Amino acid sequence: MLISIRDLRKIYQMGDAEVRALDGVDLEVERGEYLAIMGPSGSGKSTLMNLIGCLDTPTSGEYVLNGQGVSGLDDSELARIRNREIGFVFQTFNLLPRATALANVELPLIYARMPAGKRRGLARQALEQVGLGDRVKHQPNELSGGQRQRVAVARALVNRPSILLADEPTGNLDSRTSTEIMALFDDLNRAGNTIVLVTHEEEIAAHAGRVIRLLDGRVVSDVRRQAQGAQP
């Protein structure tokens, strides 16, 4: 089991009121799964994503990632887990504007203190994996939106993480480019990558083999199905 979550709760104090962003979530994710998290605004999907990604800590409950309990870790320990276990893909790409595609992809390896020669080789491999082997020297302003998101995916993959987390990965892309990026995610999942994505779009969630829906901080449905991009 790659992810095991038990009775996860996240409570915010807003003046005298308590906001239960997550209210007792149970969830297990196997290696190689392709999971979409859906729900209306305020349902808790972004909070759950942040907790899975070790960007935040729960108020209570248990979260085990790749065999390690992470619920009670401090910030520096969480940072190490993030860099080793999790690759992030964001709606806004989050690329350094004056850095080349290669330099952007290298960033997680710099944080991991990998020697320059080795990290450049791995960054090139990651860019080739997403179809950008001929764009290593291009800066973000020289790339299309779809190419920028591919650079972001390459950066997420370069550490060979246990899980790829994607938060509305097509939110800033047109429909044709969105289709291309989702085809890339399909390929990555077929290659064995575990993918968890947050989306509000049914056609994006249709690519996943499993869809959970949240409402008021609780899981209200958990459906497994043949993913749109899956091999028959």
Protein backbone atom coordinates (compact mmCIF):
# COMPACT_ATOMS: atom_id res chain seq x y z
CA MET A 1 0.00 0.00 0.00
CA LEU A 2 1.49 3.34 -1.06
CA ILE A 3 -0.93 5.62 0.84
CA SER A 4 -2.94 4.73 3.93
CA ILE A 5 -5.10 7.42 5.55
CA ARG A 6 -7.22 6.79 8.64
CA ASP A 7 -9.75 9.22 10.17
CA LEU A 8 -7.88 12.27 8.83
CA ARG A 9 -9.18 15.59 10.12
CA LYS A 10 -8.16 19.19 9.50
CA ILE A 11 -9.91 21.81 11.61
CA TYR A 12 -9.39 25.56 11.29
CA GLN A 13 -10.42 28.02 13.99
CA MET A 14 -12.10 31.07 12.43
CA GLY A 15 -12.82 33.38 15.36
CA ASP A 16 -15.31 31.50 17.52
CA ALA A 17 -16.24 29.12 14.71
CA GLU A 18 -14.66 25.78 13.80
CA VAL A 19 -14.24 24.92 10.12
CA ARG A 20 -13.88 21.21 9.50
CA ALA A 21 -12.04 21.21 6.17
CA LEU A 22 -11.58 17.44 6.49
CA ASP A 23 -13.88 15.53 8.79
CA GLY A 24 -12.76 11.93 9.13
CA VAL A 25 -11.37 10.81 5.77
CA ASP A 26 -10.30 7.19 5.18
CA LEU A 27 -8.40 6.44 1.97
CA GLU A 28 -6.01 3.84 0.62
CA VAL A 29 -4.07 4.14 -2.65
CA GLU A 30 -2.14 1.26 -4.21
CA ARG A 31 1.06 1.65 -6.21
CA GLY A 32 0.31 2.35 -9.84
CA GLU A 33 -3.21 3.69 -9.24
CA TYR A 34 -4.58 6.68 -11.11
CA LEU A 35 -6.92 8.55 -8.76
CA ALA A 36 -8.95 11.71 -9.31
CA ILE A 37 -10.26 13.77 -6.37
CA MET A 38 -13.40 15.79 -7.12
CA GLY A 39 -15.81 17.97 -5.21
CA PRO A 40 -17.34 21.45 -5.18
CA SER A 41 -15.49 24.48 -3.84
CA GLY A 42 -15.06 24.09 -0.07
CA SER A 43 -15.44 20.30 -0.17
CA GLY A 44 -11.93 19.71 1.20
CA LYS A 45 -10.21 18.46 -1.96
CA SER A 46 -7.39 21.04 -1.84
CA THR A 47 -6.90 20.40 1.88
CA LEU A 48 -6.65 16.67 1.22
CA MET A 49 -4.19 17.32 -1.62
CA ASN A 50 -2.02 19.46 0.68
CA LEU A 51 -2.00 16.76 3.35
CA ILE A 52 -1.17 13.98 0.87
CA GLY A 53 1.60 16.21 -0.50
CA CYS A 54 3.02 16.88 2.99
CA LEU A 55 2.48 20.62 2.47
CA ASP A 56 0.38 20.72 5.65
CA THR A 57 -0.20 18.57 8.74
CA PRO A 58 -3.55 17.17 9.94
CA THR A 59 -5.27 18.15 13.16
CA SER A 60 -5.70 14.44 13.91
CA GLY A 61 -5.68 11.07 12.21
CA GLU A 62 -3.04 8.89 10.61
CA TYR A 63 -1.26 9.25 7.27
CA VAL A 64 1.26 6.63 6.16
CA LEU A 65 3.15 7.25 2.90
CA ASN A 66 5.28 4.48 1.44
CA GLY A 67 5.53 2.78 4.81
CA GLN A 68 6.39 5.90 6.83
CA GLY A 69 4.03 7.68 9.21
CA VAL A 70 4.10 11.37 8.32
CA SER A 71 1.25 12.82 10.39
CA GLY A 72 3.48 14.03 13.22
CA LEU A 73 6.63 15.08 11.35
CA ASP A 74 8.09 18.57 11.70
CA ASP A 75 8.61 20.98 8.77
CA SER A 76 12.15 19.90 7.92
CA GLU A 77 11.20 16.22 7.97
CA LEU A 78 8.17 16.93 5.80
CA ALA A 79 10.40 18.81 3.33
CA ARG A 80 12.66 15.77 3.01
CA ILE A 81 9.65 13.51 2.41
CA ARG A 82 8.29 15.91 -0.24
CA ASN A 83 11.58 16.03 -2.12
CA ARG A 84 12.07 12.26 -2.04
CA GLU A 85 8.56 10.86 -2.42
CA ILE A 86 6.34 13.42 -4.18
CA GLY A 87 6.35 15.15 -7.56
CA PHE A 88 4.06 18.18 -7.86
CA VAL A 89 2.34 19.55 -10.98
CA PHE A 90 0.46 22.83 -10.50
CA GLN A 91 -2.08 24.68 -12.61
CA THR A 92 0.23 27.72 -12.81
CA PHE A 93 3.35 25.73 -13.84
CA ASN A 94 5.52 27.50 -11.18
CA LEU A 95 8.60 27.69 -13.43
CA LEU A 96 11.51 30.08 -12.88
CA PRO A 97 11.06 32.60 -15.73
CA ARG A 98 14.75 33.29 -16.40
CA ALA A 99 15.91 29.67 -16.14
CA THR A 100 16.09 27.20 -19.02
CA ALA A 101 13.85 24.16 -19.17
CA LEU A 102 16.83 22.06 -18.11
CA ALA A 103 17.59 24.30 -15.11
CA ASN A 104 13.94 24.26 -14.03
CA VAL A 105 13.85 20.46 -14.13
CA GLU A 106 17.12 20.25 -12.19
CA LEU A 107 15.74 22.14 -9.18
CA PRO A 108 14.60 19.17 -7.04
CA LEU A 109 17.98 17.51 -7.61
CA ILE A 110 19.79 20.65 -6.46
CA TYR A 111 17.76 20.54 -3.24
CA ALA A 112 18.76 16.87 -2.95
CA ARG A 113 22.44 17.98 -3.29
CA MET A 114 23.09 15.77 -6.30
CA PRO A 115 26.34 16.45 -8.22
CA ALA A 116 25.88 18.74 -11.24
CA GLY A 117 26.83 16.23 -13.93
CA LYS A 118 24.48 13.55 -12.68
CA ARG A 119 21.54 15.89 -12.17
CA ARG A 120 21.88 17.38 -15.68
CA GLY A 121 21.77 13.88 -17.15
CA LEU A 122 18.65 12.99 -15.20
CA ALA A 123 17.00 16.31 -16.10
CA ARG A 124 17.65 15.67 -19.81
CA GLN A 125 16.15 12.19 -19.49
CA ALA A 126 13.04 13.62 -17.82
CA LEU A 127 12.61 16.23 -20.58
CA GLU A 128 12.98 13.52 -23.22
CA GLN A 129 10.37 11.45 -21.37
CA VAL A 130 7.81 14.26 -21.82
CA GLY A 131 8.77 14.93 -25.44
CA LEU A 132 10.91 18.04 -24.91
CA GLY A 133 14.39 16.69 -25.54
CA ASP A 134 14.89 19.43 -28.17
CA ARG A 135 13.83 22.28 -25.84
CA VAL A 136 16.36 21.95 -23.01
CA LYS A 137 17.82 25.46 -23.54
CA HIS A 138 14.51 27.27 -23.97
CA GLN A 139 13.20 29.58 -21.25
CA PRO A 140 9.51 29.49 -20.29
CA ASN A 141 8.65 32.59 -22.38
CA GLU A 142 9.96 30.70 -25.44
CA LEU A 143 7.59 27.78 -24.84
CA SER A 144 3.85 27.29 -25.37
CA GLY A 145 1.54 26.70 -22.41
CA GLY A 146 1.49 22.99 -23.09
CA GLN A 147 5.28 22.85 -23.32
CA ARG A 148 5.59 24.74 -20.02
CA GLN A 149 3.33 22.20 -18.34
CA ARG A 150 5.46 19.41 -19.83
CA VAL A 151 8.53 21.03 -18.26
CA ALA A 152 6.64 21.10 -14.95
CA VAL A 153 5.78 17.40 -15.36
CA ALA A 154 9.44 16.60 -16.13
CA ARG A 155 10.47 18.48 -12.97
CA ALA A 156 7.92 16.46 -10.97
CA LEU A 157 9.29 13.19 -12.39
CA VAL A 158 13.02 13.86 -12.17
CA ASN A 159 13.40 12.56 -8.60
CA ARG A 160 11.52 9.38 -9.55
CA PRO A 161 8.96 10.02 -6.80
CA SER A 162 6.54 7.49 -5.35
CA ILE A 163 3.56 9.63 -6.31
CA LEU A 164 2.75 12.35 -8.84
CA LEU A 165 0.32 14.96 -7.45
CA ALA A 166 -1.41 17.17 -9.99
CA ASP A 167 -3.58 20.11 -8.92
CA GLU A 168 -5.91 21.19 -11.78
CA PRO A 169 -3.06 20.43 -14.26
CA THR A 170 -5.03 21.65 -17.30
CA GLY A 171 -6.64 24.68 -15.66
CA ASN A 172 -4.59 27.20 -17.66
CA LEU A 173 -4.61 25.32 -20.97
CA ASP A 174 -6.91 25.33 -23.99
CA SER A 175 -8.89 22.19 -24.81
CA ARG A 176 -6.49 20.80 -27.43
CA THR A 177 -3.45 21.28 -25.19
CA SER A 178 -5.38 19.83 -22.23
CA THR A 179 -5.98 16.69 -24.27
CA GLU A 180 -2.25 16.42 -25.01
CA ILE A 181 -1.28 16.84 -21.34
CA MET A 182 -3.83 14.26 -20.21
CA ALA A 183 -2.50 11.83 -22.85
CA LEU A 184 0.92 12.35 -21.26
CA PHE A 185 -0.50 11.50 -17.81
CA ASP A 186 -2.11 8.38 -19.30
CA ASP A 187 1.29 7.32 -20.68
CA LEU A 188 3.00 8.00 -17.35
CA ASN A 189 0.43 5.90 -15.49
CA ARG A 190 0.81 3.04 -17.98
CA ALA A 191 4.56 3.24 -17.33
CA GLY A 192 3.84 2.54 -13.65
CA ASN A 193 3.60 6.01 -12.09
CA THR A 194 1.05 6.53 -9.30
CA ILE A 195 -0.99 9.66 -10.09
CA VAL A 196 -3.38 11.60 -7.85
CA LEU A 197 -5.03 14.61 -9.44
CA VAL A 198 -7.48 17.20 -8.19
CA THR A 199 -9.94 18.46 -10.78
CA HIS A 200 -13.42 19.92 -11.06
CA GLU A 201 -13.78 18.77 -14.69
CA GLU A 202 -15.54 15.46 -15.39
CA GLU A 203 -13.70 14.93 -18.68
CA ILE A 204 -10.33 15.25 -16.91
CA ALA A 205 -11.40 12.89 -14.10
CA ALA A 206 -12.51 10.37 -16.75
CA HIS A 207 -8.84 9.63 -17.45
CA ALA A 208 -8.43 8.20 -13.95
CA GLY A 209 -9.22 4.61 -13.04
CA ARG A 210 -10.74 5.68 -9.75
CA VAL A 211 -12.66 8.81 -8.71
CA ILE A 212 -13.40 9.87 -5.15
CA ARG A 213 -15.79 12.71 -4.44
CA LEU A 214 -15.69 14.90 -1.35
CA LEU A 215 -18.45 16.94 0.22
CA ASP A 216 -18.13 18.91 3.47
CA GLY A 217 -14.81 17.28 4.26
CA ARG A 218 -16.01 13.69 3.85
CA VAL A 219 -15.69 11.07 1.13
CA VAL A 220 -19.18 10.60 -0.30
CA SER A 221 -18.28 8.26 -3.17
CA ASP A 222 -15.36 6.12 -4.29
CA VAL A 223 -15.78 4.61 -7.76
CA ARG A 224 -13.36 2.41 -9.68
CA ARG A 225 -13.76 2.16 -13.43
CA GLN A 226 -11.94 1.63 -16.70
CA ALA A 227 -9.88 4.77 -17.18
CA GLN A 228 -10.32 6.67 -20.45
CA GLY A 229 -6.64 6.33 -21.28
CA ALA A 230 -6.22 2.73 -20.10
CA GLN A 231 -5.24 -0.12 -22.36
CA PRO A 232 -8.05 -2.65 -22.97
